[in-house]
Amino acid sequence: MRKMLCLLGVVGVALGFAAPASAKTCELTITGNDQIQYNKSELVVDSDCDEVKLTLEHVGQMSVDQMGHNVVVTETGDYKAVAQDGMQAGKDQEYVPADDDRVIAHTSLIGGGETTSVRFDTSELEAGGDYTFFCSFPGHYGIMNGKLVVE
C-alpha cells in the first residue's frame, strides 16, 4: 500500500498535480490598557503569510463601556476617516462602519480582562504598503494607533 501511495505521488508530480500548499497563518498579539495605550506602535507581517491572526488582550480593569478597545486595520490614508465614521456608527456597531471596504480587518470591542482575535487574508496587503491599526473607541484613535508593516 505504501509503495502504491508513493507511486501515485510520483505520477501526480510528473503530471503536474502538486499537493495543495498549506496556508501560512502568522500570529500577532497586542495589548491595550486603561491608560488608552497599546503596547506596540508597529506590527510586522511577513509577506509570505497567507493569513494573519491578530489577537488583542485588554490588560486593564475598566469595562467595555468605560474603556473599550478594539483593533481596526486600514490603509493609512483612510484611518482617520474610518475612525470618525466609526464614532457615527455607534456602540451597536462597535464603532466600526458596517460593510466598509476601507476596513481591512477589525476585532470586536472588549473591556478589561478580555481577549479577542480576528483572522484576515493578506492577499490585498502589499509589501511596503502603508497601513495603520488603531482603536476606534471614541477619542482613542489619536493616541492608540500604529503602523502595520508588510515585509
C-alpha atoms as a PDB file:
ATOM      1  CA  MET A   1       0.000   0.000   0.000  1.00  0.00           C
ATOM      2  CA  ARG A   2       2.826   2.408   0.929  1.00  0.00           C
ATOM      3  CA  LYS A   3       4.541   1.722  -2.432  1.00  0.00           C
ATOM      4  CA  MET A   4       1.279   2.397  -4.249  1.00  0.00           C
ATOM      5  CA  LEU A   5       0.781   5.746  -2.477  1.00  0.00           C
ATOM      6  CA  CYS A   6       4.380   6.692  -3.226  1.00  0.00           C
ATOM      7  CA  LEU A   7       3.922   5.724  -6.883  1.00  0.00           C
ATOM      8  CA  LEU A   8       0.704   7.762  -7.082  1.00  0.00           C
ATOM      9  CA  GLY A   9       2.555  10.743  -5.630  1.00  0.00           C
ATOM     10  CA  VAL A  10       5.347  10.411  -8.215  1.00  0.00           C
ATOM     11  CA  VAL A  11       2.831  10.063 -11.048  1.00  0.00           C
ATOM     12  CA  GLY A  12       0.887  13.082  -9.764  1.00  0.00           C
ATOM     13  CA  VAL A  13       4.015  15.235  -9.654  1.00  0.00           C
ATOM     14  CA  ALA A  14       5.052  14.010 -13.118  1.00  0.00           C
ATOM     15  CA  LEU A  15       1.657  15.002 -14.500  1.00  0.00           C
ATOM     16  CA  GLY A  16       1.778  18.417 -12.828  1.00  0.00           C
ATOM     17  CA  PHE A  17      -0.526  17.663  -9.913  1.00  0.00           C
ATOM     18  CA  ALA A  18       1.203  19.040  -6.873  1.00  0.00           C
ATOM     19  CA  ALA A  19      -0.065  18.559  -3.367  1.00  0.00           C
ATOM     20  CA  PRO A  20      -2.024  21.584  -2.203  1.00  0.00           C
ATOM     21  CA  ALA A  21       0.168  24.090  -0.410  1.00  0.00           C
ATOM     22  CA  SER A  22      -0.836  24.676   3.160  1.00  0.00           C
ATOM     23  CA  ALA A  23      -1.739  28.246   4.035  1.00  0.00           C
ATOM     24  CA  LYS A  24       0.671  30.034   6.324  1.00  0.00           C
ATOM     25  CA  THR A  25      -1.021  31.809   9.236  1.00  0.00           C
ATOM     26  CA  CYS A  26       1.056  34.402  11.061  1.00  0.00           C
ATOM     27  CA  GLU A  27       0.035  35.365  14.575  1.00  0.00           C
ATOM     28  CA  LEU A  28       0.312  38.852  16.045  1.00  0.00           C
ATOM     29  CA  THR A  29      -0.616  39.902  19.591  1.00  0.00           C
ATOM     30  CA  ILE A  30      -1.108  43.379  21.009  1.00  0.00           C
ATOM     31  CA  THR A  31      -2.365  44.607  24.360  1.00  0.00           C
ATOM     32  CA  GLY A  32      -4.413  47.638  25.339  1.00  0.00           C
ATOM     33  CA  ASN A  33      -4.713  49.126  28.833  1.00  0.00           C
ATOM     34  CA  ASP A  34      -6.740  51.570  30.921  1.00  0.00           C
ATOM     35  CA  GLN A  35      -4.343  54.415  30.045  1.00  0.00           C
ATOM     36  CA  ILE A  36      -5.506  54.456  26.389  1.00  0.00           C
ATOM     37  CA  GLN A  37      -2.345  52.734  25.161  1.00  0.00           C
ATOM     38  CA  TYR A  38      -1.328  49.803  23.032  1.00  0.00           C
ATOM     39  CA  ASN A  39       1.923  48.107  23.991  1.00  0.00           C
ATOM     40  CA  LYS A  40       3.179  48.266  20.382  1.00  0.00           C
ATOM     41  CA  SER A  41       3.437  51.027  17.807  1.00  0.00           C
ATOM     42  CA  GLU A  42       4.309  48.642  14.975  1.00  0.00           C
ATOM     43  CA  LEU A  43       3.093  45.214  13.916  1.00  0.00           C
ATOM     44  CA  VAL A  44       5.091  43.321  11.286  1.00  0.00           C
ATOM     45  CA  VAL A  45       3.614  40.755   8.883  1.00  0.00           C
ATOM     46  CA  ASP A  46       5.860  38.617   6.693  1.00  0.00           C
ATOM     47  CA  SER A  47       4.909  38.870   3.032  1.00  0.00           C
ATOM     48  CA  ASP A  48       4.777  35.059   2.797  1.00  0.00           C
ATOM     49  CA  CYS A  49       1.836  34.936   5.246  1.00  0.00           C
ATOM     50  CA  ASP A  50      -1.458  33.967   3.628  1.00  0.00           C
ATOM     51  CA  GLU A  51      -3.475  34.879   6.698  1.00  0.00           C
ATOM     52  CA  VAL A  52      -2.973  36.863   9.882  1.00  0.00           C
ATOM     53  CA  LYS A  53      -4.453  36.030  13.253  1.00  0.00           C
ATOM     54  CA  LEU A  54      -4.447  39.292  15.205  1.00  0.00           C
ATOM     55  CA  THR A  55      -5.146  38.990  18.935  1.00  0.00           C
ATOM     56  CA  LEU A  56      -5.969  41.877  21.256  1.00  0.00           C
ATOM     57  CA  GLU A  57      -5.664  41.443  25.020  1.00  0.00           C
ATOM     58  CA  HIS A  58      -7.188  44.176  27.206  1.00  0.00           C
ATOM     59  CA  VAL A  59      -4.922  44.121  30.268  1.00  0.00           C
ATOM     60  CA  GLY A  60      -6.840  46.855  32.092  1.00  0.00           C
ATOM     61  CA  GLN A  61      -9.683  46.633  34.589  1.00  0.00           C
ATOM     62  CA  MET A  62     -12.271  49.038  33.175  1.00  0.00           C
ATOM     63  CA  SER A  63     -15.438  47.864  31.436  1.00  0.00           C
ATOM     64  CA  VAL A  64     -16.037  47.971  27.696  1.00  0.00           C
ATOM     65  CA  ASP A  65     -18.420  50.926  28.203  1.00  0.00           C
ATOM     66  CA  GLN A  66     -15.765  52.966  30.020  1.00  0.00           C
ATOM     67  CA  MET A  67     -12.547  51.934  28.285  1.00  0.00           C
ATOM     68  CA  GLY A  68     -13.367  49.628  25.392  1.00  0.00           C
ATOM     69  CA  HIS A  69     -10.660  48.714  22.897  1.00  0.00           C
ATOM     70  CA  ASN A  70     -10.507  47.066  19.517  1.00  0.00           C
ATOM     71  CA  VAL A  71      -8.029  46.951  16.657  1.00  0.00           C
ATOM     72  CA  VAL A  72      -9.053  48.206  13.216  1.00  0.00           C
ATOM     73  CA  VAL A  73      -6.723  47.913  10.205  1.00  0.00           C
ATOM     74  CA  THR A  74      -6.978  50.258   7.204  1.00  0.00           C
ATOM     75  CA  GLU A  75      -4.748  51.886   4.662  1.00  0.00           C
ATOM     76  CA  THR A  76      -3.132  54.863   6.381  1.00  0.00           C
ATOM     77  CA  GLY A  77      -4.877  57.384   4.138  1.00  0.00           C
ATOM     78  CA  ASP A  78      -8.261  56.054   5.306  1.00  0.00           C
ATOM     79  CA  TYR A  79      -7.687  55.594   9.014  1.00  0.00           C
ATOM     80  CA  LYS A  80      -8.866  58.969  10.381  1.00  0.00           C
ATOM     81  CA  ALA A  81     -11.993  58.997   8.215  1.00  0.00           C
ATOM     82  CA  VAL A  82     -12.824  55.413   9.203  1.00  0.00           C
ATOM     83  CA  ALA A  83     -12.311  56.264  12.879  1.00  0.00           C
ATOM     84  CA  GLN A  84     -14.626  59.280  12.592  1.00  0.00           C
ATOM     85  CA  ASP A  85     -17.214  57.261  10.670  1.00  0.00           C
ATOM     86  CA  GLY A  86     -16.915  54.592  13.353  1.00  0.00           C
ATOM     87  CA  MET A  87     -17.950  57.088  16.014  1.00  0.00           C
ATOM     88  CA  GLN A  88     -21.038  57.837  13.917  1.00  0.00           C
ATOM     89  CA  ALA A  89     -21.724  54.083  13.575  1.00  0.00           C
ATOM     90  CA  GLY A  90     -22.010  53.910  17.356  1.00  0.00           C
ATOM     91  CA  LYS A  91     -21.637  51.334  20.068  1.00  0.00           C
ATOM     92  CA  ASP A  92     -24.017  48.815  18.470  1.00  0.00           C
ATOM     93  CA  GLN A  93     -21.577  48.585  15.530  1.00  0.00           C
ATOM     94  CA  GLU A  94     -18.571  48.522  17.929  1.00  0.00           C
ATOM     95  CA  TYR A  95     -17.547  51.917  16.478  1.00  0.00           C
ATOM     96  CA  VAL A  96     -16.684  50.375  13.110  1.00  0.00           C
ATOM     97  CA  PRO A  97     -18.627  51.400   9.990  1.00  0.00           C
ATOM     98  CA  ALA A  98     -20.625  48.405   8.748  1.00  0.00           C
ATOM     99  CA  ASP A  99     -19.595  46.817   5.432  1.00  0.00           C
ATOM    100  CA  ASP A 100     -16.937  49.475   4.827  1.00  0.00           C
ATOM    101  CA  ASP A 101     -14.471  48.474   2.082  1.00  0.00           C
ATOM    102  CA  ARG A 102     -11.821  50.681   3.686  1.00  0.00           C
ATOM    103  CA  VAL A 103     -11.680  48.349   6.714  1.00  0.00           C
ATOM    104  CA  ILE A 104      -9.204  45.548   6.062  1.00  0.00           C
ATOM    105  CA  ALA A 105      -9.935  43.832   9.384  1.00  0.00           C
ATOM    106  CA  HIS A 106     -11.164  44.566  12.896  1.00  0.00           C
ATOM    107  CA  THR A 107     -11.524  42.807  16.200  1.00  0.00           C
ATOM    108  CA  SER A 108     -14.510  43.007  18.468  1.00  0.00           C
ATOM    109  CA  LEU A 109     -14.676  45.731  21.108  1.00  0.00           C
ATOM    110  CA  ILE A 110     -13.609  44.402  24.526  1.00  0.00           C
ATOM    111  CA  GLY A 111     -13.205  45.570  28.112  1.00  0.00           C
ATOM    112  CA  GLY A 112     -10.658  44.913  30.840  1.00  0.00           C
ATOM    113  CA  GLY A 113      -9.572  41.301  31.256  1.00  0.00           C
ATOM    114  CA  GLU A 114     -10.976  40.218  27.890  1.00  0.00           C
ATOM    115  CA  THR A 115      -9.285  38.904  24.744  1.00  0.00           C
ATOM    116  CA  THR A 116     -10.458  38.864  21.134  1.00  0.00           C
ATOM    117  CA  SER A 117      -8.987  37.796  17.798  1.00  0.00           C
ATOM    118  CA  VAL A 118      -9.635  38.282  14.128  1.00  0.00           C
ATOM    119  CA  ARG A 119      -8.269  36.364  11.146  1.00  0.00           C
ATOM    120  CA  PHE A 120      -7.834  38.081   7.816  1.00  0.00           C
ATOM    121  CA  ASP A 121      -6.499  37.237   4.389  1.00  0.00           C
ATOM    122  CA  THR A 122      -3.339  39.072   3.380  1.00  0.00           C
ATOM    123  CA  SER A 123      -3.911  38.861  -0.375  1.00  0.00           C
ATOM    124  CA  GLU A 124      -4.828  42.543  -0.544  1.00  0.00           C
ATOM    125  CA  LEU A 125      -1.829  43.688   1.512  1.00  0.00           C
ATOM    126  CA  GLU A 126       1.293  44.699  -0.381  1.00  0.00           C
ATOM    127  CA  ALA A 127       4.865  44.560   0.874  1.00  0.00           C
ATOM    128  CA  GLY A 128       5.860  48.141   1.570  1.00  0.00           C
ATOM    129  CA  GLY A 129       2.197  49.251   1.658  1.00  0.00           C
ATOM    130  CA  ASP A 130       1.080  51.971   4.045  1.00  0.00           C
ATOM    131  CA  TYR A 131      -1.269  50.517   6.678  1.00  0.00           C
ATOM    132  CA  THR A 132      -2.390  51.730  10.092  1.00  0.00           C
ATOM    133  CA  PHE A 133      -4.001  49.922  13.010  1.00  0.00           C
ATOM    134  CA  PHE A 134      -6.000  51.839  15.600  1.00  0.00           C
ATOM    135  CA  CYS A 135      -8.661  51.669  18.295  1.00  0.00           C
ATOM    136  CA  SER A 136     -11.972  53.083  17.104  1.00  0.00           C
ATOM    137  CA  PHE A 137     -13.492  53.613  20.574  1.00  0.00           C
ATOM    138  CA  PRO A 138     -14.434  57.327  20.690  1.00  0.00           C
ATOM    139  CA  GLY A 139     -11.433  59.526  21.351  1.00  0.00           C
ATOM    140  CA  HIS A 140      -8.869  56.705  21.248  1.00  0.00           C
ATOM    141  CA  TYR A 141      -7.674  56.674  17.633  1.00  0.00           C
ATOM    142  CA  GLY A 142      -5.473  59.758  18.031  1.00  0.00           C
ATOM    143  CA  ILE A 143      -3.372  58.018  20.700  1.00  0.00           C
ATOM    144  CA  MET A 144      -3.945  54.307  20.097  1.00  0.00           C
ATOM    145  CA  ASN A 145      -2.559  53.781  16.619  1.00  0.00           C
ATOM    146  CA  GLY A 146       0.468  52.360  14.890  1.00  0.00           C
ATOM    147  CA  LYS A 147       1.865  51.022  11.650  1.00  0.00           C
ATOM    148  CA  LEU A 148       1.151  47.613  10.164  1.00  0.00           C
ATOM    149  CA  VAL A 149       4.252  46.768   8.141  1.00  0.00           C
ATOM    150  CA  VAL A 150       4.296  44.067   5.466  1.00  0.00           C
ATOM    151  CA  GLU A 151       7.858  42.890   4.746  1.00  0.00           C
END
